[in-house]
Amino acid sequence: MRKKSPKNEDKRSRFKRLAQARTNRVLKTLKILGNCADKSRYEYIKEDVERVFSAVDRRLNKIKARFDLPTDKEEFKL
């Protein structure tokens, strides 16, 4: 069961709480993915590994781009 967030939690505190929990969950999942590198248990080729990390890199880059958006809106001019 998930913890309920305090109703009076400010945006910064909410971000820190959620980002920490979600980042730790991603790191744990990546560690588990790393278990697939065990050649005594799994068989894979270089292209398989490249496809896995290409997919991870693409998703990570998309997410990073969402954080890099400018905060001030620029006015369009011709």
C-alpha atoms as a PDB file:
ATOM      1  CA  MET A   1       0.000   0.000   0.000  1.00  0.00           C
ATOM      2  CA  ARG A   2       1.303   3.452  -0.907  1.00  0.00           C
ATOM      3  CA  LYS A   3       1.842   6.205   1.597  1.00  0.00           C
ATOM      4  CA  LYS A   4      -0.470   9.155   1.261  1.00  0.00           C
ATOM      5  CA  SER A   5       1.240  12.464   0.657  1.00  0.00           C
ATOM      6  CA  PRO A   6       0.573  15.264   3.088  1.00  0.00           C
ATOM      7  CA  LYS A   7      -2.048  17.687   1.777  1.00  0.00           C
ATOM      8  CA  ASN A   8       0.087  20.682   2.710  1.00  0.00           C
ATOM      9  CA  GLU A   9       3.295  19.363   1.083  1.00  0.00           C
ATOM     10  CA  ASP A  10       4.975  22.016  -1.074  1.00  0.00           C
ATOM     11  CA  LYS A  11       6.046  21.314  -4.661  1.00  0.00           C
ATOM     12  CA  ARG A  12       9.759  21.063  -3.831  1.00  0.00           C
ATOM     13  CA  SER A  13       9.200  18.546  -1.031  1.00  0.00           C
ATOM     14  CA  ARG A  14       6.852  16.498  -3.208  1.00  0.00           C
ATOM     15  CA  PHE A  15       9.412  16.462  -6.037  1.00  0.00           C
ATOM     16  CA  LYS A  16      12.200  15.361  -3.700  1.00  0.00           C
ATOM     17  CA  ARG A  17      10.090  12.617  -2.130  1.00  0.00           C
ATOM     18  CA  LEU A  18       8.844  11.212  -5.442  1.00  0.00           C
ATOM     19  CA  ALA A  19      12.099  11.652  -7.392  1.00  0.00           C
ATOM     20  CA  GLN A  20      14.067   9.845  -4.696  1.00  0.00           C
ATOM     21  CA  ALA A  21      11.675   6.901  -4.550  1.00  0.00           C
ATOM     22  CA  ARG A  22      11.335   6.617  -8.321  1.00  0.00           C
ATOM     23  CA  THR A  23      15.077   6.960  -8.939  1.00  0.00           C
ATOM     24  CA  ASN A  24      15.816   4.233  -6.413  1.00  0.00           C
ATOM     25  CA  ARG A  25      13.244   1.995  -8.120  1.00  0.00           C
ATOM     26  CA  VAL A  26      14.894   2.601 -11.530  1.00  0.00           C
ATOM     27  CA  LEU A  27      18.358   1.894 -10.109  1.00  0.00           C
ATOM     28  CA  LYS A  28      17.144  -1.341  -8.538  1.00  0.00           C
ATOM     29  CA  THR A  29      15.570  -2.420 -11.837  1.00  0.00           C
ATOM     30  CA  LEU A  30      18.779  -1.624 -13.730  1.00  0.00           C
ATOM     31  CA  LYS A  31      20.742  -3.694 -11.231  1.00  0.00           C
ATOM     32  CA  ILE A  32      18.367  -6.591 -11.880  1.00  0.00           C
ATOM     33  CA  LEU A  33      18.808  -6.095 -15.634  1.00  0.00           C
ATOM     34  CA  GLY A  34      22.547  -6.369 -15.022  1.00  0.00           C
ATOM     35  CA  ASN A  35      21.993  -9.892 -13.745  1.00  0.00           C
ATOM     36  CA  CYS A  36      21.340 -10.867 -17.367  1.00  0.00           C
ATOM     37  CA  ALA A  37      25.074 -10.396 -18.014  1.00  0.00           C
ATOM     38  CA  ASP A  38      25.783 -13.702 -16.247  1.00  0.00           C
ATOM     39  CA  LYS A  39      27.017 -15.869 -19.141  1.00  0.00           C
ATOM     40  CA  SER A  40      26.705 -19.023 -17.039  1.00  0.00           C
ATOM     41  CA  ARG A  41      22.930 -18.525 -16.883  1.00  0.00           C
ATOM     42  CA  TYR A  42      22.115 -16.680 -20.102  1.00  0.00           C
ATOM     43  CA  GLU A  43      23.149 -16.716 -23.725  1.00  0.00           C
ATOM     44  CA  TYR A  44      23.188 -13.514 -25.740  1.00  0.00           C
ATOM     45  CA  ILE A  45      25.064 -11.862 -28.556  1.00  0.00           C
ATOM     46  CA  LYS A  46      26.564  -8.401 -28.807  1.00  0.00           C
ATOM     47  CA  GLU A  47      23.625  -7.178 -30.909  1.00  0.00           C
ATOM     48  CA  ASP A  48      21.182  -8.181 -28.154  1.00  0.00           C
ATOM     49  CA  VAL A  49      23.079  -6.107 -25.622  1.00  0.00           C
ATOM     50  CA  GLU A  50      23.289  -3.161 -28.023  1.00  0.00           C
ATOM     51  CA  ARG A  51      19.518  -3.274 -28.575  1.00  0.00           C
ATOM     52  CA  VAL A  52      18.827  -3.373 -24.837  1.00  0.00           C
ATOM     53  CA  PHE A  53      21.040  -0.391 -24.063  1.00  0.00           C
ATOM     54  CA  SER A  54      19.908   1.507 -27.134  1.00  0.00           C
ATOM     55  CA  ALA A  55      16.324   1.272 -25.864  1.00  0.00           C
ATOM     56  CA  VAL A  56      17.365   2.352 -22.371  1.00  0.00           C
ATOM     57  CA  ASP A  57      19.421   5.263 -23.748  1.00  0.00           C
ATOM     58  CA  ARG A  58      16.585   6.463 -25.999  1.00  0.00           C
ATOM     59  CA  ARG A  59      14.107   6.517 -23.127  1.00  0.00           C
ATOM     60  CA  LEU A  60      16.571   8.202 -20.774  1.00  0.00           C
ATOM     61  CA  ASN A  61      17.330  10.911 -23.338  1.00  0.00           C
ATOM     62  CA  LYS A  62      13.620  11.606 -23.846  1.00  0.00           C
ATOM     63  CA  ILE A  63      13.115  11.990 -20.112  1.00  0.00           C
ATOM     64  CA  LYS A  64      16.204  14.183 -19.695  1.00  0.00           C
ATOM     65  CA  ALA A  65      14.926  16.462 -22.464  1.00  0.00           C
ATOM     66  CA  ARG A  66      11.720  17.035 -20.503  1.00  0.00           C
ATOM     67  CA  PHE A  67      13.776  18.505 -17.657  1.00  0.00           C
ATOM     68  CA  ASP A  68      15.808  20.749 -19.994  1.00  0.00           C
ATOM     69  CA  LEU A  69      12.879  22.828 -21.241  1.00  0.00           C
ATOM     70  CA  PRO A  70      13.360  26.559 -20.741  1.00  0.00           C
ATOM     71  CA  THR A  71      11.351  27.967 -17.871  1.00  0.00           C
ATOM     72  CA  ASP A  72      10.646  31.343 -19.471  1.00  0.00           C
ATOM     73  CA  LYS A  73       8.462  31.455 -22.546  1.00  0.00           C
ATOM     74  CA  GLU A  74       9.995  33.153 -25.548  1.00  0.00           C
ATOM     75  CA  GLU A  75       7.817  35.338 -27.689  1.00  0.00           C
ATOM     76  CA  PHE A  76       7.619  34.340 -31.336  1.00  0.00           C
ATOM     77  CA  LYS A  77       8.620  37.022 -33.858  1.00  0.00           C
ATOM     78  CA  LEU A  78       9.081  37.010 -37.630  1.00  0.00           C
END
